[in-house]
N, C-alpha and C. Protein backbone atom coordinates (compact mmCIF):
# COMPACT_ATOMS: atom_id res chain seq x y z
N MET A 1 -152.99 -122.79 -61.16
CA MET A 1 -154.32 -122.59 -60.50
C MET A 1 -154.42 -124.25 -60.94
N MET A 2 -153.78 -124.84 -61.69
CA MET A 2 -154.31 -126.10 -62.17
C MET A 2 -153.02 -127.33 -61.06
N ASN A 3 -152.20 -126.83 -60.94
CA ASN A 3 -151.41 -127.31 -59.60
C ASN A 3 -151.84 -127.44 -58.44
N ARG A 4 -152.55 -126.48 -58.06
CA ARG A 4 -153.17 -126.66 -56.83
C ARG A 4 -153.95 -127.28 -56.94
N ALA A 5 -155.21 -127.35 -57.73
CA ALA A 5 -156.35 -128.58 -58.04
C ALA A 5 -156.14 -129.82 -57.84
N HIS A 6 -154.74 -129.88 -58.56
CA HIS A 6 -153.85 -131.48 -58.76
C HIS A 6 -153.51 -131.75 -57.52
N ALA A 7 -152.80 -131.18 -56.66
CA ALA A 7 -152.54 -131.43 -55.21
C ALA A 7 -153.36 -131.50 -54.23
N PHE A 8 -154.57 -130.84 -54.34
CA PHE A 8 -155.53 -130.96 -53.34
C PHE A 8 -156.22 -132.39 -53.97
N LEU A 9 -156.73 -132.62 -54.95
CA LEU A 9 -157.16 -134.00 -55.72
C LEU A 9 -156.22 -135.17 -54.77
N CYS A 10 -154.88 -134.99 -55.12
CA CYS A 10 -153.86 -135.83 -54.64
C CYS A 10 -154.12 -136.25 -53.06
N SER A 11 -154.02 -135.10 -52.24
CA SER A 11 -154.48 -135.56 -50.94
C SER A 11 -155.48 -135.97 -50.70
N LEU A 12 -156.78 -135.65 -51.17
CA LEU A 12 -157.79 -136.06 -51.13
C LEU A 12 -157.70 -137.70 -51.21
N LEU A 13 -157.23 -137.87 -52.44
CA LEU A 13 -157.37 -139.29 -52.39
C LEU A 13 -156.53 -140.06 -51.67
N LEU A 14 -155.41 -139.82 -51.43
CA LEU A 14 -154.44 -140.43 -50.58
C LEU A 14 -155.21 -140.40 -48.86
N ALA A 15 -155.58 -139.47 -48.47
CA ALA A 15 -156.42 -139.75 -47.21
C ALA A 15 -157.68 -140.48 -47.31
N ALA A 16 -158.47 -140.59 -48.63
CA ALA A 16 -159.37 -141.77 -48.82
C ALA A 16 -158.79 -143.20 -48.97
N ALA A 17 -157.63 -143.09 -49.13
CA ALA A 17 -157.17 -144.46 -49.31
C ALA A 17 -156.61 -144.72 -48.23
N TYR A 18 -156.12 -143.96 -47.41
CA TYR A 18 -155.56 -144.32 -45.76
C TYR A 18 -157.12 -144.96 -45.20
N LEU A 19 -158.21 -143.77 -45.22
CA LEU A 19 -159.05 -144.05 -44.27
C LEU A 19 -159.57 -145.79 -44.72
N LEU A 20 -159.81 -145.84 -46.02
CA LEU A 20 -160.76 -147.52 -46.51
C LEU A 20 -159.47 -148.55 -45.85
N PHE A 21 -158.15 -148.28 -45.70
CA PHE A 21 -157.02 -149.31 -45.25
C PHE A 21 -157.55 -149.29 -43.67
N CYS A 22 -157.95 -148.37 -42.96
CA CYS A 22 -157.97 -148.59 -41.47
C CYS A 22 -159.37 -149.13 -41.30
N VAL A 23 -160.06 -148.90 -42.14
CA VAL A 23 -161.70 -149.54 -41.86
C VAL A 23 -161.63 -150.78 -42.38
N LEU A 24 -160.91 -151.34 -43.33
CA LEU A 24 -160.83 -152.57 -43.95
C LEU A 24 -159.84 -153.74 -42.93
N SER A 25 -158.89 -152.94 -42.28
CA SER A 25 -158.22 -153.79 -41.49
C SER A 25 -158.61 -153.90 -40.06
N ALA A 26 -159.32 -152.72 -39.85
CA ALA A 26 -160.31 -153.22 -38.59
C ALA A 26 -160.85 -153.85 -38.28
N HIS A 27 -162.00 -154.09 -39.68
CA HIS A 27 -163.26 -154.30 -39.47
C HIS A 27 -163.55 -155.48 -40.74
N GLY A 28 -163.61 -156.77 -40.75
CA GLY A 28 -163.71 -157.45 -41.36
C GLY A 28 -162.44 -157.60 -42.62
N PHE A 29 -161.39 -157.16 -42.69
CA PHE A 29 -160.39 -157.61 -43.28
C PHE A 29 -160.06 -159.05 -43.24
N TYR A 30 -160.12 -159.36 -41.84
CA TYR A 30 -159.74 -160.96 -41.76
C TYR A 30 -161.04 -161.48 -41.10
N PRO A 31 -161.21 -162.76 -41.45
CA PRO A 31 -162.79 -163.61 -40.81
C PRO A 31 -162.85 -163.34 -39.68
N ARG A 32 -164.03 -163.19 -39.10
CA ARG A 32 -164.48 -163.07 -37.62
C ARG A 32 -164.54 -163.83 -36.87
N GLU A 33 -164.46 -165.05 -37.46
CA GLU A 33 -164.65 -166.18 -36.87
C GLU A 33 -163.78 -167.34 -37.08
N GLY A 34 -163.21 -168.20 -36.52
CA GLY A 34 -162.49 -169.27 -37.19
C GLY A 34 -161.16 -168.86 -37.73
N TYR A 35 -160.49 -167.53 -37.25
CA TYR A 35 -159.47 -167.07 -37.92
C TYR A 35 -158.42 -167.19 -36.57
N SER A 36 -157.46 -167.54 -36.12
CA SER A 36 -156.40 -167.39 -35.22
C SER A 36 -154.93 -167.18 -35.83
N ILE A 37 -154.34 -166.89 -34.82
CA ILE A 37 -152.68 -166.72 -35.49
C ILE A 37 -152.23 -167.58 -34.51
N ARG A 38 -151.29 -168.54 -34.96
CA ARG A 38 -150.49 -169.79 -34.05
C ARG A 38 -149.19 -169.48 -33.96
N THR A 39 -148.90 -168.42 -32.99
CA THR A 39 -147.70 -168.06 -32.69
C THR A 39 -146.90 -168.79 -31.14
N LYS A 40 -147.95 -168.78 -30.65
CA LYS A 40 -147.32 -169.26 -29.27
C LYS A 40 -146.87 -170.92 -29.54
N PRO A 41 -147.48 -171.90 -29.92
CA PRO A 41 -146.80 -172.87 -30.01
C PRO A 41 -145.20 -172.88 -30.71
N VAL A 42 -144.77 -172.21 -32.04
CA VAL A 42 -143.98 -172.13 -32.62
C VAL A 42 -143.28 -171.55 -31.74
N ARG A 43 -143.46 -170.29 -30.65
CA ARG A 43 -142.53 -169.78 -29.61
C ARG A 43 -142.11 -170.33 -28.61
N ASP A 44 -142.99 -171.31 -28.17
CA ASP A 44 -142.51 -172.13 -26.88
C ASP A 44 -141.86 -173.30 -27.45
N GLY A 45 -141.70 -173.47 -28.73
CA GLY A 45 -140.77 -174.71 -29.20
C GLY A 45 -139.60 -173.97 -29.49
N LEU A 46 -139.47 -172.67 -29.97
CA LEU A 46 -138.32 -172.08 -30.28
C LEU A 46 -137.43 -172.17 -28.75
N LEU A 47 -138.23 -171.55 -27.64
CA LEU A 47 -137.75 -171.42 -26.35
C LEU A 47 -137.02 -172.68 -25.81
N THR A 48 -138.13 -173.72 -25.82
CA THR A 48 -137.67 -175.14 -25.31
C THR A 48 -136.25 -175.52 -26.22
N ALA A 49 -136.40 -175.50 -27.53
CA ALA A 49 -135.40 -175.87 -28.49
C ALA A 49 -134.10 -175.24 -28.15
N GLY A 50 -134.14 -173.65 -27.91
CA GLY A 50 -132.84 -172.85 -27.10
C GLY A 50 -132.40 -173.47 -25.91
N ARG A 51 -133.22 -173.77 -25.00
CA ARG A 51 -133.10 -173.95 -23.81
C ARG A 51 -132.08 -175.76 -23.83
N ASP A 52 -132.67 -176.41 -24.34
CA ASP A 52 -131.99 -177.86 -24.85
C ASP A 52 -130.54 -177.35 -25.30
N GLN A 53 -130.79 -176.60 -26.38
CA GLN A 53 -129.27 -176.19 -27.04
C GLN A 53 -128.04 -176.03 -26.40
N ALA A 54 -128.74 -174.92 -25.25
CA ALA A 54 -127.81 -174.49 -24.31
C ALA A 54 -127.15 -175.31 -22.89
N GLU A 55 -128.20 -175.91 -23.13
CA GLU A 55 -127.60 -177.28 -21.63
C GLU A 55 -126.89 -178.46 -22.60
N ASP A 56 -126.62 -178.69 -24.08
CA ASP A 56 -126.02 -179.58 -24.59
C ASP A 56 -124.71 -179.17 -24.67
N SER A 57 -124.58 -177.81 -25.13
CA SER A 57 -123.27 -176.76 -25.33
C SER A 57 -122.54 -176.68 -23.95
N ARG A 58 -123.25 -176.89 -22.79
CA ARG A 58 -122.67 -176.55 -21.55
C ARG A 58 -121.60 -177.92 -21.07
N GLN A 59 -122.70 -179.29 -21.65
CA GLN A 59 -122.15 -180.39 -21.20
C GLN A 59 -121.43 -181.15 -22.24
N LEU A 60 -121.42 -180.88 -23.29
CA LEU A 60 -120.70 -181.43 -24.25
C LEU A 60 -119.70 -180.13 -24.89
N ARG A 61 -119.58 -179.33 -24.58
CA ARG A 61 -118.39 -178.12 -25.07
C ARG A 61 -117.16 -178.91 -25.72
N ALA A 62 -116.47 -178.70 -26.97
CA ALA A 62 -115.48 -179.50 -27.25
C ALA A 62 -114.14 -178.61 -26.73
N LEU A 63 -113.08 -179.31 -26.48
CA LEU A 63 -112.22 -178.83 -26.01
C LEU A 63 -111.43 -177.98 -27.02
N LEU A 64 -110.95 -176.61 -26.20
CA LEU A 64 -110.57 -175.61 -27.05
C LEU A 64 -109.16 -175.96 -27.46
N PRO A 65 -108.21 -175.44 -28.52
CA PRO A 65 -106.95 -176.06 -28.78
C PRO A 65 -105.85 -175.96 -27.56
N GLY A 66 -105.33 -176.93 -27.37
CA GLY A 66 -104.16 -177.04 -26.14
C GLY A 66 -104.65 -177.39 -24.94
N GLU A 67 -106.30 -177.57 -24.79
CA GLU A 67 -106.58 -177.74 -23.42
C GLU A 67 -106.54 -179.08 -23.56
N THR A 68 -106.40 -179.47 -22.05
CA THR A 68 -106.62 -180.91 -21.77
C THR A 68 -107.10 -181.19 -20.43
N ILE A 69 -107.50 -182.61 -20.38
CA ILE A 69 -108.32 -182.76 -19.57
C ILE A 69 -107.59 -183.79 -18.25
N ASN A 70 -107.46 -183.37 -17.55
CA ASN A 70 -106.92 -184.37 -16.37
C ASN A 70 -107.57 -185.45 -15.83
N ILE A 71 -107.23 -186.92 -16.26
CA ILE A 71 -107.88 -188.32 -15.92
C ILE A 71 -107.70 -188.59 -14.86
N ASN A 72 -107.04 -188.02 -13.86
CA ASN A 72 -107.17 -188.60 -12.12
C ASN A 72 -108.31 -187.48 -11.64
N THR A 73 -108.44 -186.27 -11.83
CA THR A 73 -109.37 -185.73 -11.32
C THR A 73 -110.64 -185.32 -11.92
N SER A 74 -110.92 -185.55 -13.16
CA SER A 74 -112.23 -184.97 -13.97
C SER A 74 -113.15 -185.55 -13.46
N ASP A 75 -114.31 -185.43 -13.53
CA ASP A 75 -115.95 -185.47 -13.14
C ASP A 75 -116.29 -186.29 -14.72
N ALA A 76 -117.35 -187.08 -14.81
CA ALA A 76 -117.86 -187.66 -15.89
C ALA A 76 -117.82 -186.77 -16.88
N GLU A 77 -119.05 -185.70 -16.52
CA GLU A 77 -119.44 -184.46 -17.85
C GLU A 77 -117.82 -184.01 -18.09
N SER A 78 -116.62 -183.83 -17.55
CA SER A 78 -115.43 -183.39 -18.26
C SER A 78 -114.98 -184.50 -19.07
N LEU A 79 -115.08 -185.67 -18.61
CA LEU A 79 -114.53 -186.60 -19.53
C LEU A 79 -115.07 -186.91 -20.48
N GLN A 80 -116.43 -186.38 -20.69
CA GLN A 80 -117.33 -186.49 -22.26
C GLN A 80 -116.84 -185.74 -23.04
N ARG A 81 -116.26 -184.67 -22.58
CA ARG A 81 -115.66 -183.62 -23.83
C ARG A 81 -114.69 -184.34 -24.57
N LEU A 82 -114.10 -185.29 -24.02
CA LEU A 82 -113.19 -185.76 -25.00
C LEU A 82 -113.49 -186.79 -26.28
N PRO A 83 -112.73 -186.89 -27.32
CA PRO A 83 -113.08 -187.31 -28.38
C PRO A 83 -113.21 -188.55 -28.07
N GLY A 84 -114.42 -189.41 -28.83
CA GLY A 84 -114.64 -191.02 -28.44
C GLY A 84 -115.11 -191.12 -27.10
N ILE A 85 -115.28 -190.47 -25.90
CA ILE A 85 -115.87 -190.87 -24.78
C ILE A 85 -116.81 -190.50 -24.49
N GLY A 86 -117.94 -191.31 -24.28
CA GLY A 86 -119.40 -190.88 -23.77
C GLY A 86 -119.64 -190.97 -22.44
N PRO A 87 -120.70 -191.26 -21.98
CA PRO A 87 -121.16 -191.29 -21.08
C PRO A 87 -120.54 -192.85 -20.11
N VAL A 88 -120.82 -194.03 -21.07
CA VAL A 88 -120.42 -195.23 -20.64
C VAL A 88 -118.79 -195.32 -20.49
N LEU A 89 -118.17 -194.75 -21.15
CA LEU A 89 -116.39 -194.83 -20.91
C LEU A 89 -116.29 -194.03 -19.87
N ALA A 90 -117.08 -192.61 -19.74
CA ALA A 90 -116.72 -191.69 -18.48
C ALA A 90 -116.73 -192.47 -17.14
N GLU A 91 -117.71 -193.38 -17.18
CA GLU A 91 -117.87 -193.94 -15.69
C GLU A 91 -116.85 -194.98 -15.84
N GLU A 92 -116.69 -195.92 -16.55
CA GLU A 92 -115.69 -196.83 -16.50
C GLU A 92 -114.37 -196.00 -16.33
N ILE A 93 -114.04 -194.94 -16.59
CA ILE A 93 -112.76 -194.45 -16.51
C ILE A 93 -113.00 -194.26 -14.89
N ILE A 94 -114.14 -193.51 -14.61
CA ILE A 94 -113.56 -193.25 -12.79
C ILE A 94 -113.78 -194.46 -12.01
N ALA A 95 -114.44 -195.30 -12.41
CA ALA A 95 -114.47 -196.78 -11.95
C ALA A 95 -113.05 -197.43 -11.77
N TYR A 96 -112.47 -197.35 -12.73
CA TYR A 96 -111.17 -197.85 -12.93
C TYR A 96 -110.14 -197.22 -11.55
N ARG A 97 -110.50 -195.79 -11.63
CA ARG A 97 -109.58 -194.91 -10.91
C ARG A 97 -109.92 -195.11 -9.75
N GLU A 98 -111.04 -195.35 -9.49
CA GLU A 98 -111.31 -195.81 -8.17
C GLU A 98 -111.25 -196.84 -7.51
N ASN A 99 -110.98 -197.87 -8.24
CA ASN A 99 -110.56 -199.54 -8.12
C ASN A 99 -109.28 -199.97 -8.03
N GLU A 100 -108.39 -199.17 -9.08
CA GLU A 100 -107.09 -199.41 -9.20
C GLU A 100 -106.27 -198.14 -8.79
N GLY A 101 -106.62 -196.88 -8.64
CA GLY A 101 -106.00 -196.17 -8.38
C GLY A 101 -105.68 -195.00 -9.32
N LEU A 102 -104.81 -193.90 -9.36
CA LEU A 102 -104.74 -193.06 -10.06
C LEU A 102 -103.78 -193.83 -11.04
N PHE A 103 -104.05 -192.53 -12.38
CA PHE A 103 -103.48 -193.02 -13.65
C PHE A 103 -101.92 -192.61 -13.47
N LEU A 104 -100.78 -193.20 -13.85
CA LEU A 104 -99.86 -192.95 -13.59
C LEU A 104 -98.81 -191.99 -15.09
N ARG A 105 -99.46 -192.88 -15.87
CA ARG A 105 -98.87 -192.03 -17.24
C ARG A 105 -100.37 -192.16 -18.27
N PRO A 106 -100.87 -191.75 -19.20
CA PRO A 106 -101.41 -191.42 -19.98
C PRO A 106 -102.04 -192.54 -21.00
N GLU A 107 -101.02 -193.60 -21.08
CA GLU A 107 -101.08 -194.67 -21.69
C GLU A 107 -101.47 -195.57 -20.75
N ASP A 108 -101.67 -195.44 -19.57
CA ASP A 108 -102.56 -196.23 -18.50
C ASP A 108 -104.11 -196.09 -19.01
N LEU A 109 -104.68 -195.41 -19.61
CA LEU A 109 -106.16 -195.26 -20.11
C LEU A 109 -106.44 -196.57 -20.63
N MET A 110 -105.43 -197.05 -21.57
CA MET A 110 -105.59 -197.95 -22.15
C MET A 110 -106.00 -199.33 -21.37
N ASN A 111 -105.50 -199.37 -19.82
CA ASN A 111 -106.62 -200.60 -19.36
C ASN A 111 -107.74 -200.32 -18.91
N VAL A 112 -108.30 -199.28 -19.03
CA VAL A 112 -109.54 -199.20 -18.81
C VAL A 112 -110.79 -200.03 -19.93
N PRO A 113 -111.29 -200.91 -19.43
CA PRO A 113 -112.27 -201.84 -20.33
C PRO A 113 -113.13 -200.90 -21.46
N GLY A 114 -112.94 -201.18 -22.34
CA GLY A 114 -113.47 -200.48 -23.51
C GLY A 114 -112.66 -199.05 -24.39
N ILE A 115 -111.53 -199.20 -23.87
CA ILE A 115 -110.70 -197.86 -24.22
C ILE A 115 -109.30 -199.00 -24.89
N GLY A 116 -109.26 -198.72 -26.40
CA GLY A 116 -108.20 -199.69 -26.47
C GLY A 116 -107.42 -198.30 -27.61
N GLU A 117 -106.37 -198.89 -28.40
CA GLU A 117 -105.56 -198.00 -28.90
C GLU A 117 -106.11 -197.25 -30.12
N LYS A 118 -107.21 -197.41 -30.17
CA LYS A 118 -108.22 -196.74 -31.54
C LYS A 118 -108.49 -195.20 -30.85
N THR A 119 -109.27 -195.71 -29.49
CA THR A 119 -109.52 -194.43 -28.78
C THR A 119 -108.71 -193.93 -27.97
N TYR A 120 -107.85 -194.47 -27.73
CA TYR A 120 -106.55 -193.86 -26.84
C TYR A 120 -106.14 -192.65 -27.72
N SER A 121 -105.64 -192.87 -29.35
CA SER A 121 -105.22 -192.05 -30.23
C SER A 121 -105.58 -191.01 -30.47
N LEU A 122 -107.50 -191.29 -30.13
CA LEU A 122 -108.21 -189.95 -29.91
C LEU A 122 -107.85 -188.50 -29.19
N VAL A 123 -107.63 -189.62 -28.04
CA VAL A 123 -107.75 -188.53 -26.95
C VAL A 123 -106.06 -188.23 -26.46
N ARG A 124 -105.37 -189.17 -27.12
CA ARG A 124 -104.01 -188.82 -26.45
C ARG A 124 -103.62 -187.63 -26.05
N ASP A 125 -103.94 -186.71 -27.07
CA ASP A 125 -103.45 -185.21 -26.97
C ASP A 125 -104.02 -184.30 -26.31
N SER A 126 -105.03 -184.93 -25.65
CA SER A 126 -106.00 -183.89 -24.82
C SER A 126 -106.21 -184.30 -23.61
N ILE A 127 -105.31 -185.41 -23.19
CA ILE A 127 -105.57 -185.98 -21.77
C ILE A 127 -103.72 -185.46 -20.97
N ARG A 128 -104.02 -185.70 -19.49
CA ARG A 128 -102.61 -185.58 -18.56
C ARG A 128 -103.60 -186.05 -17.45
N VAL A 129 -102.33 -186.59 -16.74
CA VAL A 129 -102.62 -187.42 -15.53
C VAL A 129 -101.94 -186.43 -14.26
N GLY A 130 -101.31 -185.32 -14.65
CA GLY A 130 -101.10 -184.19 -13.30
C GLY A 130 -101.28 -182.66 -13.98
N GLY A 131 -100.71 -181.96 -13.06
CA GLY A 131 -100.94 -180.52 -13.48
C GLY A 131 -101.91 -179.88 -12.81
N LYS A 132 -102.24 -178.68 -13.20
CA LYS A 132 -103.68 -178.12 -12.69
C LYS A 132 -104.63 -178.74 -13.42
N SER A 133 -105.54 -178.80 -12.50
CA SER A 133 -107.00 -179.53 -12.50
C SER A 133 -107.77 -178.63 -13.45
């Protein structure tokens, strides 16, 4: 008989605790005025940051192992994927190519103003002058 009484009291206590929780969380658990949850600016910032990262990763995606860039046909964005080549040098390569003609050998890249032996050593294994575009 005592077990039934204990079970009933425990059930009654749990029900009362649940009802108290529901009442407090719905009415007055949080202050009514001056309280706001600030999630929108954070969410907007995260969405913007993700979009910026996606755009950067498309433009500046690193070369895959064994992948090469044709310096005779590539646009500025593709040339910037080469190590040590930024927007200015990419435009210099294109200007040189348009003014002087196509590169005959990969070493001819050192004729471009701003590209010396150091930069050429960084890109030597990643460039080609012919083959598939």
